[in-house]
Amino acid sequence: MDRLTIVTTGGTIDKIYFDDKSDYQIGAPQIGDILQALGVAFRFLVIPLLRKDSLHVTEDDRDLIRRTIAAQETRHILVTHGTDTMVETARVLTTIPDKVIVLTGALNPARFMGSDAVFNIGCAVGAVQTLPDGVYIAMNGRVWDPLKVRKNRDANRFEPV
């Protein structure tokens, strides 16, 4: 893989905590800074498409994500997305041919110490380079088929259906 296109949609990975308000808001995409700091050996383009909690991602948003990815010339696509509706978005993307699309996110904001964001991004980058065309979810150290996975909100992790 020489070039990776990254589409960001918001989610916990990009959340910022405002202590005075005891509130989280979606901030700027973190993945570009993370990859830059890690010194990755490939070029990447970040497309900041949405800044939403995934619970607020609509069908129109999913269509926008699908159209944006389908329009990219690159074969390798990584999508950062909130975990609550990541599976639903991944399923919409399965109609896109000739691309490897991997969705990932975080259960804790990337800006937090101990966040799973960097680990999940690393797994997603490895997956997008090695898997055949299709749509995948990289979370919790595993790569999932979006038709065979769900998020277990009580356990706060992904598991097979």
Protein backbone atom coordinates (compact mmCIF):
# COMPACT_ATOMS: atom_id res chain seq x y z
CA MET A 1 0.00 0.00 0.00
CA ASP A 2 1.46 3.29 -1.11
CA ARG A 3 -1.45 5.54 -0.23
CA LEU A 4 -4.31 5.35 2.26
CA THR A 5 -7.46 7.44 2.13
CA ILE A 6 -9.00 8.08 5.54
CA VAL A 7 -12.60 9.24 5.92
CA THR A 8 -13.44 10.58 9.38
CA THR A 9 -16.99 10.74 10.68
CA GLY A 10 -16.53 11.67 14.34
CA GLY A 11 -17.28 9.32 17.19
CA THR A 12 -15.53 8.84 20.51
CA ILE A 13 -12.10 8.64 18.87
CA ASP A 14 -12.32 12.39 18.17
CA LYS A 15 -14.16 13.50 21.32
CA ILE A 16 -12.87 16.32 23.49
CA TYR A 17 -13.84 16.63 27.13
CA PHE A 18 -14.75 20.10 28.36
CA ASP A 19 -14.31 19.95 32.14
CA ASP A 20 -16.12 23.20 32.94
CA LYS A 21 -19.21 21.92 31.18
CA SER A 22 -18.75 18.23 32.05
CA ASP A 23 -19.45 17.65 28.39
CA TYR A 24 -17.95 15.82 25.42
CA GLN A 25 -17.96 17.27 21.93
CA ILE A 26 -16.56 15.93 18.68
CA GLY A 27 -13.31 17.71 17.87
CA ALA A 28 -10.97 17.70 14.91
CA PRO A 29 -9.94 14.30 13.51
CA GLN A 30 -7.05 12.79 15.49
CA ILE A 31 -5.93 10.08 13.09
CA GLY A 32 -3.68 12.29 10.94
CA ASP A 33 -1.74 13.48 13.98
CA ILE A 34 -1.49 9.91 15.28
CA LEU A 35 -0.15 8.52 12.00
CA GLN A 36 2.25 11.47 11.63
CA ALA A 37 3.62 10.92 15.14
CA LEU A 38 4.10 7.23 14.42
CA GLY A 39 6.10 7.99 11.29
CA VAL A 40 4.16 5.66 9.00
CA ALA A 41 5.84 4.68 5.73
CA PHE A 42 2.93 5.46 3.43
CA ARG A 43 1.16 8.57 2.20
CA PHE A 44 -2.30 9.31 3.54
CA LEU A 45 -5.11 11.73 2.88
CA VAL A 46 -7.63 12.59 5.60
CA ILE A 47 -11.13 13.55 4.48
CA PRO A 48 -12.98 15.02 7.49
CA LEU A 49 -16.52 14.23 6.35
CA LEU A 50 -18.62 14.38 9.54
CA ARG A 51 -18.20 15.33 13.19
CA LYS A 52 -20.98 13.32 14.77
CA ASP A 53 -21.55 10.88 17.55
CA SER A 54 -22.49 7.72 15.69
CA LEU A 55 -25.87 7.64 17.44
CA HIS A 56 -26.68 10.74 15.37
CA VAL A 57 -25.48 9.38 12.01
CA THR A 58 -28.48 9.25 9.66
CA GLU A 59 -29.19 7.19 6.56
CA ASP A 60 -28.41 10.32 4.52
CA ASP A 61 -25.04 10.52 6.31
CA ARG A 62 -24.37 6.87 5.50
CA ASP A 63 -25.19 7.53 1.86
CA LEU A 64 -22.76 10.48 1.89
CA ILE A 65 -20.06 8.23 3.39
CA ARG A 66 -20.76 5.57 0.75
CA ARG A 67 -20.67 8.06 -2.13
CA THR A 68 -17.49 9.70 -0.82
CA ILE A 69 -15.67 6.38 -0.54
CA ALA A 70 -16.91 5.14 -3.93
CA ALA A 71 -15.57 8.34 -5.55
CA GLN A 72 -12.01 7.84 -4.24
CA GLU A 73 -9.36 6.67 -6.69
CA THR A 74 -7.43 4.79 -4.01
CA ARG A 75 -8.21 1.15 -3.26
CA HIS A 76 -7.35 1.30 0.46
CA ILE A 77 -9.86 3.17 2.64
CA LEU A 78 -9.91 3.54 6.42
CA VAL A 79 -12.97 5.04 8.12
CA THR A 80 -12.98 6.34 11.67
CA HIS A 81 -16.47 6.03 13.08
CA GLY A 82 -18.28 5.93 16.40
CA THR A 83 -18.68 2.41 17.71
CA ASP A 84 -22.41 2.46 18.50
CA THR A 85 -23.54 2.38 14.85
CA MET A 86 -20.31 1.36 13.11
CA VAL A 87 -21.81 -1.98 12.07
CA GLU A 88 -24.79 -0.31 10.40
CA THR A 89 -22.53 1.99 8.38
CA ALA A 90 -20.21 -0.88 7.43
CA ARG A 91 -23.14 -2.85 6.06
CA VAL A 92 -24.12 0.07 3.79
CA LEU A 93 -20.59 0.14 2.39
CA THR A 94 -20.63 -3.52 1.30
CA THR A 95 -22.07 -2.45 -2.08
CA ILE A 96 -18.81 -0.66 -3.03
CA PRO A 97 -16.68 -2.83 -5.34
CA ASP A 98 -12.90 -3.01 -5.81
CA LYS A 99 -11.86 -1.48 -2.49
CA VAL A 100 -10.62 -2.63 0.88
CA ILE A 101 -12.58 -0.63 3.46
CA VAL A 102 -11.82 -0.93 7.17
CA LEU A 103 -13.80 0.89 9.84
CA THR A 104 -12.34 1.52 13.26
CA GLY A 105 -12.94 3.76 16.24
CA ALA A 106 -12.30 3.91 19.95
CA LEU A 107 -14.11 3.20 23.16
CA ASN A 108 -12.20 6.08 24.80
CA PRO A 109 -11.17 9.39 23.18
CA ALA A 110 -7.77 9.36 21.44
CA ARG A 111 -6.70 12.31 23.59
CA PHE A 112 -7.12 10.24 26.78
CA MET A 113 -4.24 8.33 28.32
CA GLY A 114 -4.90 4.63 27.97
CA SER A 115 -7.23 5.07 24.99
CA ASP A 116 -7.61 2.13 22.64
CA ALA A 117 -7.51 4.52 19.66
CA VAL A 118 -3.86 4.05 18.63
CA PHE A 119 -4.12 0.26 18.97
CA ASN A 120 -7.31 0.12 16.90
CA ILE A 121 -5.84 2.41 14.23
CA GLY A 122 -2.75 0.20 14.04
CA CYS A 123 -4.88 -2.92 13.63
CA ALA A 124 -6.97 -1.18 10.96
CA VAL A 125 -3.88 -0.05 9.03
CA GLY A 126 -2.52 -3.60 9.06
CA ALA A 127 -5.89 -5.00 7.99
CA VAL A 128 -6.45 -2.55 5.13
CA GLN A 129 -3.07 -3.51 3.64
CA THR A 130 -3.47 -7.27 3.80
CA LEU A 131 -7.14 -8.14 3.29
CA PRO A 132 -8.88 -8.77 -0.02
CA ASP A 133 -11.47 -6.34 -1.34
CA GLY A 134 -14.43 -5.98 1.00
CA VAL A 135 -15.61 -4.19 4.13
CA TYR A 136 -14.26 -4.97 7.59
CA ILE A 137 -14.37 -3.67 11.16
CA ALA A 138 -11.14 -3.56 13.19
CA MET A 139 -11.88 -3.34 16.91
CA ASN A 140 -10.66 -4.99 20.10
CA GLY A 141 -7.65 -6.58 18.40
CA ARG A 142 -9.78 -8.45 15.86
CA VAL A 143 -10.96 -7.94 12.32
CA TRP A 144 -14.66 -8.57 11.88
CA ASP A 145 -17.05 -9.21 9.02
CA PRO A 146 -19.75 -6.53 9.51
CA LEU A 147 -22.44 -9.11 8.77
CA LYS A 148 -21.24 -11.30 11.65
CA VAL A 149 -20.50 -8.86 14.47
CA ARG A 150 -22.28 -6.59 16.92
CA LYS A 151 -21.27 -4.19 19.63
CA ASN A 152 -22.04 -5.48 23.10
CA ARG A 153 -22.71 -2.20 24.92
CA ASP A 154 -22.75 -3.84 28.35
CA ALA A 155 -19.29 -5.41 27.88
CA ASN A 156 -18.15 -2.39 25.83
CA ARG A 157 -16.63 -4.49 23.05
CA PHE A 158 -17.40 -6.16 19.76
CA GLU A 159 -18.40 -9.82 19.57
CA PRO A 160 -19.62 -12.37 17.02
CA VAL A 161 -23.32 -12.53 16.21
